[in-house]
Amino acid sequence: LAYETGGLYFTVHPNREVGKKLNPWETAAMSSQLVSFFDPLIMRSYRPDYVSARQYQDLLSTNRACSALVEAAQLSWTTQMENVRLRFPKQDESQFARDLSNAQRSAAKIEPQIEQLVAVLRQGEKDRPKLTKPRWQAGFDLAIGRALAVKARTEGYNAMLAEAKQGLTFKNEKSDTWELNPSDSVTINSALAKDATDARAYLERVVKDHQGTPWAMDASQELKRPLGWQWKERFTDVEGRMARAQGNRRPQPEKPPEPQKPRREPPAL
């Protein structure tokens, strides 16, 4: 309505301060809890396309990057892995392999959804150079950058566990536990390494070309998270903890019943 009438739309908040990240307890009473605020002069260039539905469809038909971004947004919502297991004590080979297989289920469950999302966005890469509006540029780059980052982390996690099932050897004879830690390098295979490289390139372009926008803020947060994994060995006293646990589960000897005190008859009145 503001656009069609030549008017302006104002967002009002008592805590508005561009560039400051607001803590939850700093939000004024009876106000919406907003984390960050952005300069309206910068955001003016990122206004949506206020056009009719037909004009919007015509726009999507002329650029595959635009249509891929809209198609990806319509896919079933997916999320990253939940309850990711990173520590694997090793008692014996069969138990270790069983724990690794159980942990792989979390990644295997969401991999098809991530693959579909990345495939759709990859189809729009050829038309990405034709995008001229900042909102479409930032939106596409952030979407494919984040999708590729999630793909690299998820499939990399699964591949690292699969590789570990083929055999891992401790360098320190005292070590008895393997830990999977985030790493900046992706070395498990060349395909994932390319996905990780492309993810960083897209996200870094968002940060560079769209400073002071929500897209750049999200991209910078994504870049802080490593895309790869690496194994590290630890000593966690697996045998000692098992022995103590078994000792606590041993049945305790029954205590003999306490002798009952003789009953005293009440005195005769």
Protein backbone atom coordinates (compact mmCIF):
# COMPACT_ATOMS: atom_id res chain seq x y z
CA LEU A 1 0.00 0.00 0.00
CA ALA A 2 2.83 2.41 0.86
CA TYR A 3 4.63 1.57 -2.39
CA GLU A 4 1.56 1.96 -4.63
CA THR A 5 0.64 5.33 -3.12
CA GLY A 6 4.19 6.69 -3.18
CA GLY A 7 4.37 6.69 0.61
CA LEU A 8 6.93 5.37 3.07
CA TYR A 9 6.85 2.52 5.57
CA PHE A 10 8.48 3.15 8.94
CA THR A 11 9.52 0.52 11.49
CA VAL A 12 9.52 1.92 15.01
CA HIS A 13 11.24 0.38 18.04
CA PRO A 14 12.42 2.07 21.27
CA ASN A 15 15.72 0.15 21.18
CA ARG A 16 16.56 0.87 17.56
CA GLU A 17 20.28 1.45 17.15
CA VAL A 18 21.91 0.45 13.89
CA GLY A 19 24.91 -1.83 14.32
CA LYS A 20 24.18 -2.84 17.91
CA LYS A 21 23.25 -6.41 18.80
CA LEU A 22 20.50 -6.29 21.39
CA ASN A 23 20.48 -8.68 24.35
CA PRO A 24 17.08 -10.13 25.34
CA TRP A 25 17.05 -8.36 28.72
CA GLU A 26 17.63 -5.00 27.04
CA THR A 27 14.35 -5.05 25.15
CA ALA A 28 12.00 -2.31 26.32
CA ALA A 29 8.73 -3.30 27.97
CA MET A 30 5.84 -4.09 25.60
CA SER A 31 8.26 -4.17 22.62
CA SER A 32 9.12 -6.88 20.12
CA GLN A 33 12.35 -8.72 20.86
CA LEU A 34 14.59 -7.86 17.90
CA VAL A 35 18.27 -8.78 17.88
CA SER A 36 19.65 -6.39 15.27
CA PHE A 37 18.65 -3.28 13.37
CA PHE A 38 19.75 -2.21 9.88
CA ASP A 39 20.26 1.13 8.20
CA PRO A 40 17.13 2.00 6.17
CA LEU A 41 19.26 3.83 3.60
CA ILE A 42 21.15 0.59 2.88
CA MET A 43 18.01 -1.56 2.97
CA ARG A 44 16.24 0.69 0.47
CA SER A 45 18.18 -1.01 -2.32
CA TYR A 46 16.94 -4.42 -1.13
CA ARG A 47 13.22 -3.81 -1.41
CA PRO A 48 11.17 -6.76 -2.72
CA ASP A 49 9.66 -6.68 -6.21
CA TYR A 50 6.25 -5.13 -5.57
CA VAL A 51 4.62 -6.41 -8.77
CA SER A 52 1.58 -8.47 -9.70
CA ALA A 53 1.63 -12.27 -9.49
CA ARG A 54 1.76 -12.50 -13.29
CA GLN A 55 4.70 -10.12 -13.52
CA TYR A 56 6.45 -12.09 -10.80
CA GLN A 57 6.00 -15.36 -12.70
CA ASP A 58 7.34 -13.70 -15.84
CA LEU A 59 10.42 -12.68 -13.86
CA LEU A 60 10.97 -16.26 -12.67
CA SER A 61 10.65 -17.59 -16.21
CA THR A 62 13.43 -15.34 -17.48
CA ASN A 63 16.09 -16.31 -14.92
CA ARG A 64 16.79 -19.81 -13.64
CA ALA A 65 18.55 -18.49 -10.53
CA CYS A 66 15.35 -16.70 -9.46
CA SER A 67 13.14 -19.71 -10.13
CA ALA A 68 15.58 -22.06 -8.38
CA LEU A 69 15.58 -19.87 -5.28
CA VAL A 70 11.76 -19.82 -5.15
CA GLU A 71 11.57 -23.57 -5.82
CA ALA A 72 14.06 -24.29 -3.04
CA ALA A 73 12.01 -22.19 -0.62
CA GLN A 74 8.97 -24.34 -1.39
CA LEU A 75 10.67 -27.64 -0.55
CA SER A 76 9.95 -29.41 2.71
CA TRP A 77 11.64 -27.69 5.61
CA THR A 78 14.81 -29.40 6.76
CA THR A 79 17.28 -28.78 9.53
CA GLN A 80 20.78 -29.78 10.46
CA MET A 81 21.64 -32.93 12.41
CA GLU A 82 20.30 -33.20 15.93
CA ASN A 83 21.93 -34.91 18.91
CA VAL A 84 25.20 -35.34 17.03
CA ARG A 85 27.41 -37.86 18.78
CA LEU A 86 31.08 -36.87 18.80
CA ARG A 87 32.68 -39.16 21.41
CA PHE A 88 33.14 -42.89 20.81
CA PRO A 89 34.74 -44.92 23.63
CA LYS A 90 36.27 -48.14 22.31
CA GLN A 91 35.86 -51.31 24.34
CA ASP A 92 36.22 -53.71 21.40
CA GLU A 93 35.87 -53.62 17.61
CA SER A 94 32.28 -54.91 17.42
CA GLN A 95 30.99 -52.43 20.00
CA PHE A 96 32.89 -49.58 18.32
CA ALA A 97 31.46 -50.39 14.87
CA ARG A 98 27.96 -50.69 16.33
CA ASP A 99 28.19 -47.26 17.95
CA LEU A 100 29.42 -45.72 14.70
CA SER A 101 26.55 -47.27 12.73
CA ASN A 102 23.97 -45.97 15.20
CA ALA A 103 25.45 -42.47 14.99
CA GLN A 104 25.26 -42.50 11.19
CA ARG A 105 21.48 -42.69 11.28
CA SER A 106 21.17 -39.01 12.20
CA ALA A 107 23.03 -37.94 9.07
CA ALA A 108 21.48 -40.54 6.77
CA LYS A 109 18.00 -39.39 7.73
CA ILE A 110 18.38 -35.85 6.36
CA GLU A 111 20.92 -36.38 3.57
CA PRO A 112 18.28 -36.92 0.81
CA GLN A 113 16.54 -33.64 1.69
CA ILE A 114 19.83 -31.73 1.64
CA GLU A 115 20.83 -33.34 -1.67
CA GLN A 116 17.53 -32.28 -3.23
CA LEU A 117 17.89 -28.72 -1.96
CA VAL A 118 21.43 -28.39 -3.29
CA ALA A 119 20.47 -29.93 -6.65
CA VAL A 120 17.69 -27.39 -7.15
CA LEU A 121 19.92 -24.43 -6.31
CA ARG A 122 22.80 -25.76 -8.44
CA GLN A 123 20.47 -25.53 -11.46
CA GLY A 124 20.34 -21.77 -11.02
CA GLU A 125 24.09 -21.18 -10.96
CA LYS A 126 24.36 -20.55 -14.72
CA ASP A 127 21.98 -17.60 -14.53
CA ARG A 128 23.47 -16.17 -11.33
CA PRO A 129 25.68 -13.67 -13.26
CA LYS A 130 22.52 -12.27 -14.90
CA LEU A 131 21.05 -11.17 -11.56
CA THR A 132 21.21 -7.40 -11.26
CA LYS A 133 19.09 -6.63 -8.20
CA PRO A 134 20.90 -6.81 -4.84
CA ARG A 135 18.05 -8.63 -3.09
CA TRP A 136 18.10 -11.51 -5.59
CA GLN A 137 21.91 -11.65 -5.57
CA ALA A 138 22.13 -11.80 -1.77
CA GLY A 139 19.23 -14.23 -1.49
CA PHE A 140 20.58 -16.73 -3.99
CA ASP A 141 24.19 -16.62 -2.76
CA LEU A 142 23.18 -17.02 0.89
CA ALA A 143 20.78 -19.87 0.13
CA ILE A 144 23.19 -21.96 -1.91
CA GLY A 145 26.10 -21.12 0.38
CA ARG A 146 24.26 -22.32 3.48
CA ALA A 147 22.88 -25.41 1.70
CA LEU A 148 26.36 -26.43 0.55
CA ALA A 149 27.75 -25.81 4.04
CA VAL A 150 25.15 -28.08 5.63
CA LYS A 151 25.80 -30.70 2.94
CA ALA A 152 29.54 -30.64 3.61
CA ARG A 153 29.10 -31.00 7.36
CA THR A 154 26.40 -33.69 7.19
CA GLU A 155 27.89 -35.90 4.49
CA GLY A 156 31.37 -35.34 5.90
CA TYR A 157 30.22 -36.56 9.32
CA ASN A 158 28.69 -39.67 7.78
CA ALA A 159 31.78 -40.35 5.67
CA MET A 160 34.14 -39.95 8.63
CA LEU A 161 32.14 -42.50 10.62
CA ALA A 162 32.09 -44.90 7.67
CA GLU A 163 35.85 -44.55 7.29
CA ALA A 164 36.35 -45.18 11.01
CA LYS A 165 34.50 -48.49 10.72
CA GLN A 166 37.24 -49.66 8.37
CA GLY A 167 39.68 -49.30 11.25
CA LEU A 168 41.32 -46.62 13.37
CA THR A 169 44.56 -47.19 15.26
CA PHE A 170 45.53 -45.29 18.38
CA LYS A 171 48.97 -43.67 18.26
CA ASN A 172 49.13 -43.49 22.05
CA GLU A 173 48.82 -46.89 23.71
CA LYS A 174 46.94 -45.33 26.65
CA SER A 175 44.19 -43.86 24.44
CA ASP A 176 40.83 -45.61 24.54
CA THR A 177 38.37 -43.07 23.02
CA TRP A 178 37.94 -41.39 19.64
CA GLU A 179 36.49 -37.88 19.38
CA LEU A 180 35.22 -36.25 16.19
CA ASN A 181 36.06 -32.52 16.26
CA PRO A 182 35.09 -29.75 13.80
CA SER A 183 37.86 -28.81 11.39
CA ASP A 184 38.37 -26.09 8.78
CA SER A 185 39.71 -28.61 6.26
CA VAL A 186 37.55 -31.06 4.32
CA THR A 187 39.71 -33.99 3.24
CA ILE A 188 37.35 -36.97 3.27
CA ASN A 189 36.79 -36.81 -0.54
CA SER A 190 37.19 -34.37 -3.43
CA ALA A 191 33.45 -33.92 -4.04
CA LEU A 192 32.81 -32.70 -0.51
CA ALA A 193 35.93 -30.56 -0.65
CA LYS A 194 34.49 -28.80 -3.71
CA ASP A 195 31.14 -28.28 -1.97
CA ALA A 196 32.93 -26.73 0.99
CA THR A 197 35.02 -24.46 -1.26
CA ASP A 198 31.91 -23.31 -3.14
CA ALA A 199 30.05 -22.73 0.13
CA ARG A 200 32.80 -20.44 1.45
CA ALA A 201 32.98 -18.57 -1.87
CA TYR A 202 29.24 -17.84 -1.92
CA LEU A 203 29.09 -16.87 1.75
CA GLU A 204 32.16 -14.65 1.55
CA ARG A 205 30.68 -12.86 -1.47
CA VAL A 206 27.54 -12.12 0.53
CA VAL A 207 29.59 -10.65 3.37
CA LYS A 208 31.68 -8.57 0.95
CA ASP A 209 28.98 -7.32 -1.44
CA HIS A 210 26.07 -6.83 0.99
CA GLN A 211 27.56 -5.30 4.12
CA GLY A 212 25.10 -4.01 6.70
CA THR A 213 22.25 -6.33 5.64
CA PRO A 214 20.59 -9.37 7.26
CA TRP A 215 22.02 -11.57 4.49
CA ALA A 216 25.58 -10.55 5.36
CA MET A 217 24.92 -11.12 9.07
CA ASP A 218 23.64 -14.67 8.43
CA ALA A 219 26.53 -15.43 6.06
CA SER A 220 29.15 -14.28 8.58
CA GLN A 221 27.58 -16.48 11.27
CA GLU A 222 27.66 -19.48 8.91
CA LEU A 223 31.31 -18.87 8.08
CA LYS A 224 32.24 -19.11 11.77
CA ARG A 225 31.30 -22.79 11.81
CA PRO A 226 33.91 -25.22 10.41
CA LEU A 227 32.82 -27.35 7.45
CA GLY A 228 35.00 -30.42 8.05
CA TRP A 229 35.83 -33.00 10.73
CA GLN A 230 38.91 -34.66 12.20
CA TRP A 231 39.48 -37.56 14.58
CA LYS A 232 41.37 -37.05 17.84
CA GLU A 233 42.24 -39.74 20.36
CA ARG A 234 41.69 -39.40 24.09
CA PHE A 235 42.05 -41.36 27.31
CA THR A 236 38.78 -41.51 29.23
CA ASP A 237 39.40 -44.63 31.37
CA VAL A 238 36.81 -46.79 29.62
CA GLU A 239 37.77 -50.02 31.43
CA GLY A 240 37.84 -48.32 34.84
CA ARG A 241 34.43 -46.76 34.37
CA MET A 242 32.97 -50.10 33.20
CA ALA A 243 34.42 -51.90 36.21
CA ARG A 244 32.99 -49.32 38.60
CA ALA A 245 29.61 -49.49 36.89
CA GLN A 246 29.54 -53.30 37.13
CA GLY A 247 30.53 -53.09 40.80
CA ASN A 248 27.62 -50.79 41.52
CA ARG A 249 25.24 -53.23 39.84
CA ARG A 250 26.27 -56.24 41.92
CA PRO A 251 23.50 -57.44 44.24
CA GLN A 252 24.13 -56.36 47.81
CA PRO A 253 23.93 -59.05 50.53
CA GLU A 254 20.68 -58.99 52.40
CA LYS A 255 20.90 -57.57 55.87
CA PRO A 256 19.63 -59.87 58.63
CA PRO A 257 16.36 -58.68 60.13
CA GLU A 258 16.72 -56.61 63.25
CA PRO A 259 15.57 -58.42 66.40
CA GLN A 260 12.23 -57.17 67.60
CA LYS A 261 12.09 -55.66 71.04
CA PRO A 262 9.90 -57.57 73.54
CA ARG A 263 6.46 -56.10 73.90
CA ARG A 264 5.80 -54.60 77.31
CA GLU A 265 2.37 -55.13 78.77
CA PRO A 266 0.65 -52.00 80.00
CA PRO A 267 0.54 -51.72 83.84
CA ALA A 268 -2.67 -52.73 85.57
CA LEU A 269 -4.63 -49.75 86.96
